Amino acid sequence: MLSRIFVNGGIAGLIVGAAFFGFAASGTLVHGALGMVIGYLTMLLALSLVFVAIKRYRDSELGGVIRFWPAFGLGLGITLVASLVYALAWETTLAATGGAEAFVDQYIEQERAKGASPEALAEMDGFRAIYANPLLRMAVTFTEIFPVGLLVSLLSAAMLRNPRFLPLRRG
């Protein structure tokens, strides 16, 4: 089961990390509502591997039956690995594209061009202080994807604990 956690979690983390690396490397930073939609849809797509891994484990090793807690544990393990890989991928992206300071400067300039108020721009300088610390930055990045994976793990475990939901097909 540990290999399933590392393989599926690594692949999920790389999918999301590669998507954001592609956006950042192209110089296209999508902020605001559109950025959130693209980001969370990419996370959901990548974390669909949680569902697939639980289903395969249930069917191939458990004869088509799994209890909630083992299914949730598998999903949570995959989520932890995916979140860590995603955070490391973001750190790599920042290093390859000019660093955290350049990212924050670009973000503030985009907001200034949109006509952000002086108060909002001053608040973004607080963001600069947090983003300057790599450990805080990694923690913030980790918490972007982890709640999504937690929700996917809960839903997958709840659905797949029922052996009648997408039953094992023998034959």
C-alpha atoms as a PDB file:
ATOM      1  CA  MET A   1       0.000   0.000   0.000  1.00  0.00           C
ATOM      2  CA  LEU A   2       2.931   2.334   0.677  1.00  0.00           C
ATOM      3  CA  SER A   3       4.032   2.115  -2.947  1.00  0.00           C
ATOM      4  CA  ARG A   4       0.513   3.124  -4.041  1.00  0.00           C
ATOM      5  CA  ILE A   5       0.724   6.159  -1.776  1.00  0.00           C
ATOM      6  CA  PHE A   6       4.092   7.308  -3.104  1.00  0.00           C
ATOM      7  CA  VAL A   7       3.412   6.577  -6.788  1.00  0.00           C
ATOM      8  CA  ASN A   8      -0.079   8.112  -6.934  1.00  0.00           C
ATOM      9  CA  GLY A   9       0.826  11.005  -4.655  1.00  0.00           C
ATOM     10  CA  GLY A  10       3.965  11.750  -6.647  1.00  0.00           C
ATOM     11  CA  ILE A  11       2.106  11.690  -9.947  1.00  0.00           C
ATOM     12  CA  ALA A  12      -0.698  13.911  -8.604  1.00  0.00           C
ATOM     13  CA  GLY A  13       1.804  16.402  -7.181  1.00  0.00           C
ATOM     14  CA  LEU A  14       3.764  16.475 -10.428  1.00  0.00           C
ATOM     15  CA  ILE A  15       0.623  17.063 -12.495  1.00  0.00           C
ATOM     16  CA  VAL A  16      -0.330  20.130 -10.458  1.00  0.00           C
ATOM     17  CA  GLY A  17       3.266  21.302 -10.106  1.00  0.00           C
ATOM     18  CA  ALA A  18       3.910  20.977 -13.852  1.00  0.00           C
ATOM     19  CA  ALA A  19       0.769  22.957 -14.663  1.00  0.00           C
ATOM     20  CA  PHE A  20       1.819  25.844 -12.444  1.00  0.00           C
ATOM     21  CA  PHE A  21       5.418  25.626 -13.658  1.00  0.00           C
ATOM     22  CA  GLY A  22       4.104  25.952 -17.212  1.00  0.00           C
ATOM     23  CA  PHE A  23       2.100  29.055 -16.359  1.00  0.00           C
ATOM     24  CA  ALA A  24       4.936  30.667 -14.421  1.00  0.00           C
ATOM     25  CA  ALA A  25       7.622  29.807 -16.984  1.00  0.00           C
ATOM     26  CA  SER A  26       5.516  31.297 -19.778  1.00  0.00           C
ATOM     27  CA  GLY A  27       5.260  34.522 -17.793  1.00  0.00           C
ATOM     28  CA  THR A  28       1.493  34.136 -17.597  1.00  0.00           C
ATOM     29  CA  LEU A  29       0.481  34.500 -13.977  1.00  0.00           C
ATOM     30  CA  VAL A  30      -3.272  34.180 -13.779  1.00  0.00           C
ATOM     31  CA  HIS A  31      -4.588  35.850 -10.625  1.00  0.00           C
ATOM     32  CA  GLY A  32      -8.026  36.470  -9.243  1.00  0.00           C
ATOM     33  CA  ALA A  33     -11.099  34.367  -9.887  1.00  0.00           C
ATOM     34  CA  LEU A  34      -9.836  32.839 -13.138  1.00  0.00           C
ATOM     35  CA  GLY A  35      -6.566  31.809 -11.487  1.00  0.00           C
ATOM     36  CA  MET A  36      -8.447  30.178  -8.642  1.00  0.00           C
ATOM     37  CA  VAL A  37     -10.746  28.280 -11.007  1.00  0.00           C
ATOM     38  CA  ILE A  38      -7.829  27.020 -13.113  1.00  0.00           C
ATOM     39  CA  GLY A  39      -5.811  26.140 -10.007  1.00  0.00           C
ATOM     40  CA  TYR A  40      -8.521  24.233  -8.197  1.00  0.00           C
ATOM     41  CA  LEU A  41      -9.689  22.408 -11.338  1.00  0.00           C
ATOM     42  CA  THR A  42      -6.094  21.298 -11.931  1.00  0.00           C
ATOM     43  CA  MET A  43      -5.871  20.123  -8.323  1.00  0.00           C
ATOM     44  CA  LEU A  44      -9.139  18.197  -8.624  1.00  0.00           C
ATOM     45  CA  LEU A  45      -7.996  16.588 -11.855  1.00  0.00           C
ATOM     46  CA  ALA A  46      -4.673  15.520 -10.326  1.00  0.00           C
ATOM     47  CA  LEU A  47      -6.240  14.387  -7.038  1.00  0.00           C
ATOM     48  CA  SER A  48      -8.713  12.201  -8.898  1.00  0.00           C
ATOM     49  CA  LEU A  49      -5.848   9.706  -8.585  1.00  0.00           C
ATOM     50  CA  VAL A  50      -6.951   9.325  -4.942  1.00  0.00           C
ATOM     51  CA  PHE A  51     -10.247   7.853  -6.106  1.00  0.00           C
ATOM     52  CA  VAL A  52      -8.552   5.674  -8.729  1.00  0.00           C
ATOM     53  CA  ALA A  53      -5.982   4.345  -6.248  1.00  0.00           C
ATOM     54  CA  ILE A  54      -8.601   3.472  -3.618  1.00  0.00           C
ATOM     55  CA  LYS A  55     -10.770   1.771  -6.231  1.00  0.00           C
ATOM     56  CA  ARG A  56      -7.863  -0.255  -7.612  1.00  0.00           C
ATOM     57  CA  TYR A  57      -6.716  -1.240  -4.121  1.00  0.00           C
ATOM     58  CA  ARG A  58     -10.257  -2.264  -3.166  1.00  0.00           C
ATOM     59  CA  ASP A  59     -10.700  -4.326  -6.305  1.00  0.00           C
ATOM     60  CA  SER A  60      -7.256  -5.857  -6.821  1.00  0.00           C
ATOM     61  CA  GLU A  61      -6.204  -6.643  -3.257  1.00  0.00           C
ATOM     62  CA  LEU A  62      -9.375  -6.672  -1.175  1.00  0.00           C
ATOM     63  CA  GLY A  63     -11.785  -8.520  -3.421  1.00  0.00           C
ATOM     64  CA  GLY A  64     -14.063  -5.538  -4.040  1.00  0.00           C
ATOM     65  CA  VAL A  65     -14.684  -4.537  -0.400  1.00  0.00           C
ATOM     66  CA  ILE A  66     -12.983  -1.810   1.651  1.00  0.00           C
ATOM     67  CA  ARG A  67     -13.910  -0.133   4.909  1.00  0.00           C
ATOM     68  CA  PHE A  68     -14.053   3.636   5.285  1.00  0.00           C
ATOM     69  CA  TRP A  69     -10.971   4.165   7.485  1.00  0.00           C
ATOM     70  CA  PRO A  70      -8.496   2.133   5.393  1.00  0.00           C
ATOM     71  CA  ALA A  71      -9.804   3.864   2.258  1.00  0.00           C
ATOM     72  CA  PHE A  72      -9.537   7.270   3.916  1.00  0.00           C
ATOM     73  CA  GLY A  73      -6.026   6.453   5.174  1.00  0.00           C
ATOM     74  CA  LEU A  74      -4.888   5.559   1.666  1.00  0.00           C
ATOM     75  CA  GLY A  75      -6.414   8.755   0.284  1.00  0.00           C
ATOM     76  CA  LEU A  76      -4.881  10.864   3.025  1.00  0.00           C
ATOM     77  CA  GLY A  77      -1.444   9.356   2.411  1.00  0.00           C
ATOM     78  CA  ILE A  78      -1.694  10.138  -1.293  1.00  0.00           C
ATOM     79  CA  THR A  79      -2.847  13.662  -0.447  1.00  0.00           C
ATOM     80  CA  LEU A  80       0.110  14.250   1.887  1.00  0.00           C
ATOM     81  CA  VAL A  81       2.620  13.113  -0.737  1.00  0.00           C
ATOM     82  CA  ALA A  82       0.899  15.123  -3.497  1.00  0.00           C
ATOM     83  CA  SER A  83       0.847  18.237  -1.291  1.00  0.00           C
ATOM     84  CA  LEU A  84       4.543  17.902  -0.483  1.00  0.00           C
ATOM     85  CA  VAL A  85       5.491  17.344  -4.142  1.00  0.00           C
ATOM     86  CA  TYR A  86       3.334  20.328  -5.117  1.00  0.00           C
ATOM     87  CA  ALA A  87       5.055  22.566  -2.550  1.00  0.00           C
ATOM     88  CA  LEU A  88       8.486  21.426  -3.753  1.00  0.00           C
ATOM     89  CA  ALA A  89       7.440  21.967  -7.380  1.00  0.00           C
ATOM     90  CA  TRP A  90       6.379  25.518  -6.527  1.00  0.00           C
ATOM     91  CA  GLU A  91       9.739  26.164  -4.854  1.00  0.00           C
ATOM     92  CA  THR A  92      11.463  24.848  -7.982  1.00  0.00           C
ATOM     93  CA  THR A  93       9.264  27.064 -10.146  1.00  0.00           C
ATOM     94  CA  LEU A  94      10.149  30.121  -8.094  1.00  0.00           C
ATOM     95  CA  ALA A  95      13.867  29.309  -8.302  1.00  0.00           C
ATOM     96  CA  ALA A  96      13.658  28.835 -12.086  1.00  0.00           C
ATOM     97  CA  THR A  97      11.656  32.004 -12.724  1.00  0.00           C
ATOM     98  CA  GLY A  98      13.510  34.594 -10.680  1.00  0.00           C
ATOM     99  CA  GLY A  99      12.633  33.795  -7.103  1.00  0.00           C
ATOM    100  CA  ALA A 100       9.901  34.673  -4.658  1.00  0.00           C
ATOM    101  CA  GLU A 101      10.708  38.386  -4.678  1.00  0.00           C
ATOM    102  CA  ALA A 102      10.174  38.599  -8.451  1.00  0.00           C
ATOM    103  CA  PHE A 103       6.876  36.706  -8.122  1.00  0.00           C
ATOM    104  CA  VAL A 104       5.592  39.069  -5.430  1.00  0.00           C
ATOM    105  CA  ASP A 105       6.751  42.146  -7.401  1.00  0.00           C
ATOM    106  CA  GLN A 106       4.930  40.924 -10.511  1.00  0.00           C
ATOM    107  CA  TYR A 107       1.775  40.222  -8.511  1.00  0.00           C
ATOM    108  CA  ILE A 108       1.816  43.679  -6.873  1.00  0.00           C
ATOM    109  CA  GLU A 109       2.417  45.371 -10.237  1.00  0.00           C
ATOM    110  CA  GLN A 110      -0.555  43.554 -11.756  1.00  0.00           C
ATOM    111  CA  GLU A 111      -2.746  44.657  -8.860  1.00  0.00           C
ATOM    112  CA  ARG A 112      -1.451  48.239  -9.100  1.00  0.00           C
ATOM    113  CA  ALA A 113      -2.262  48.267 -12.842  1.00  0.00           C
ATOM    114  CA  LYS A 114      -5.803  47.126 -12.026  1.00  0.00           C
ATOM    115  CA  GLY A 115      -6.158  50.138  -9.737  1.00  0.00           C
ATOM    116  CA  ALA A 116      -5.775  48.510  -6.320  1.00  0.00           C
ATOM    117  CA  SER A 117      -6.166  50.885  -3.395  1.00  0.00           C
ATOM    118  CA  PRO A 118      -3.108  52.010  -1.402  1.00  0.00           C
ATOM    119  CA  GLU A 119      -4.431  50.005   1.583  1.00  0.00           C
ATOM    120  CA  ALA A 120      -4.611  46.836  -0.518  1.00  0.00           C
ATOM    121  CA  LEU A 121      -1.096  47.440  -1.831  1.00  0.00           C
ATOM    122  CA  ALA A 122       0.181  47.952   1.723  1.00  0.00           C
ATOM    123  CA  GLU A 123      -1.455  44.663   2.718  1.00  0.00           C
ATOM    124  CA  MET A 124       0.405  42.960  -0.119  1.00  0.00           C
ATOM    125  CA  ASP A 125       3.686  44.109   1.421  1.00  0.00           C
ATOM    126  CA  GLY A 126       2.755  41.925   4.422  1.00  0.00           C
ATOM    127  CA  PHE A 127       2.430  39.084   1.921  1.00  0.00           C
ATOM    128  CA  ARG A 128       5.981  39.910   0.780  1.00  0.00           C
ATOM    129  CA  ALA A 129       7.304  39.350   4.319  1.00  0.00           C
ATOM    130  CA  ILE A 130       5.620  35.952   4.597  1.00  0.00           C
ATOM    131  CA  TYR A 131       6.738  34.924   1.122  1.00  0.00           C
ATOM    132  CA  ALA A 132      10.363  35.850   1.887  1.00  0.00           C
ATOM    133  CA  ASN A 133      10.605  32.998   4.430  1.00  0.00           C
ATOM    134  CA  PRO A 134      10.912  29.660   2.546  1.00  0.00           C
ATOM    135  CA  LEU A 135       9.391  27.604   5.383  1.00  0.00           C
ATOM    136  CA  LEU A 136       6.346  29.851   5.660  1.00  0.00           C
ATOM    137  CA  ARG A 137       6.046  29.944   1.870  1.00  0.00           C
ATOM    138  CA  MET A 138       6.096  26.127   1.695  1.00  0.00           C
ATOM    139  CA  ALA A 139       3.500  25.912   4.477  1.00  0.00           C
ATOM    140  CA  VAL A 140       1.226  28.335   2.627  1.00  0.00           C
ATOM    141  CA  THR A 141       1.684  26.388  -0.613  1.00  0.00           C
ATOM    142  CA  PHE A 142       1.003  23.080   1.159  1.00  0.00           C
ATOM    143  CA  THR A 143      -2.258  24.441   2.563  1.00  0.00           C
ATOM    144  CA  GLU A 144      -3.449  25.427  -0.920  1.00  0.00           C
ATOM    145  CA  ILE A 145      -3.788  21.825  -2.086  1.00  0.00           C
ATOM    146  CA  PHE A 146      -4.152  19.798   1.124  1.00  0.00           C
ATOM    147  CA  PRO A 147      -7.795  20.743   1.915  1.00  0.00           C
ATOM    148  CA  VAL A 148      -8.804  19.775  -1.632  1.00  0.00           C
ATOM    149  CA  GLY A 149      -7.123  16.388  -1.216  1.00  0.00           C
ATOM    150  CA  LEU A 150      -8.714  15.933   2.195  1.00  0.00           C
ATOM    151  CA  LEU A 151     -12.161  16.496   0.701  1.00  0.00           C
ATOM    152  CA  VAL A 152     -11.438  14.173  -2.238  1.00  0.00           C
ATOM    153  CA  SER A 153     -10.193  11.508   0.210  1.00  0.00           C
ATOM    154  CA  LEU A 154     -13.315  11.790   2.371  1.00  0.00           C
ATOM    155  CA  LEU A 155     -15.681  11.596  -0.588  1.00  0.00           C
ATOM    156  CA  SER A 156     -13.775   8.743  -2.238  1.00  0.00           C
ATOM    157  CA  ALA A 157     -13.668   6.702   0.974  1.00  0.00           C
ATOM    158  CA  ALA A 158     -17.364   7.319   1.618  1.00  0.00           C
ATOM    159  CA  MET A 159     -18.379   6.260  -1.892  1.00  0.00           C
ATOM    160  CA  LEU A 160     -16.026   3.313  -2.321  1.00  0.00           C
ATOM    161  CA  ARG A 161     -16.789   1.719   1.051  1.00  0.00           C
ATOM    162  CA  ASN A 162     -20.040   0.616  -0.559  1.00  0.00           C
ATOM    163  CA  PRO A 163     -19.176  -2.483  -2.620  1.00  0.00           C
ATOM    164  CA  ARG A 164     -22.179  -1.795  -4.894  1.00  0.00           C
ATOM    165  CA  PHE A 165     -20.639   1.514  -5.987  1.00  0.00           C
ATOM    166  CA  LEU A 166     -18.645   0.721  -9.143  1.00  0.00           C
ATOM    167  CA  PRO A 167     -18.479  -2.962  -8.225  1.00  0.00           C
ATOM    168  CA  LEU A 168     -15.619  -5.270  -9.057  1.00  0.00           C
ATOM    169  CA  ARG A 169     -16.285  -6.963 -12.371  1.00  0.00           C
ATOM    170  CA  ARG A 170     -15.056 -10.505 -12.497  1.00  0.00           C
ATOM    171  CA  GLY A 171     -14.667 -12.266 -15.674  1.00  0.00           C
END
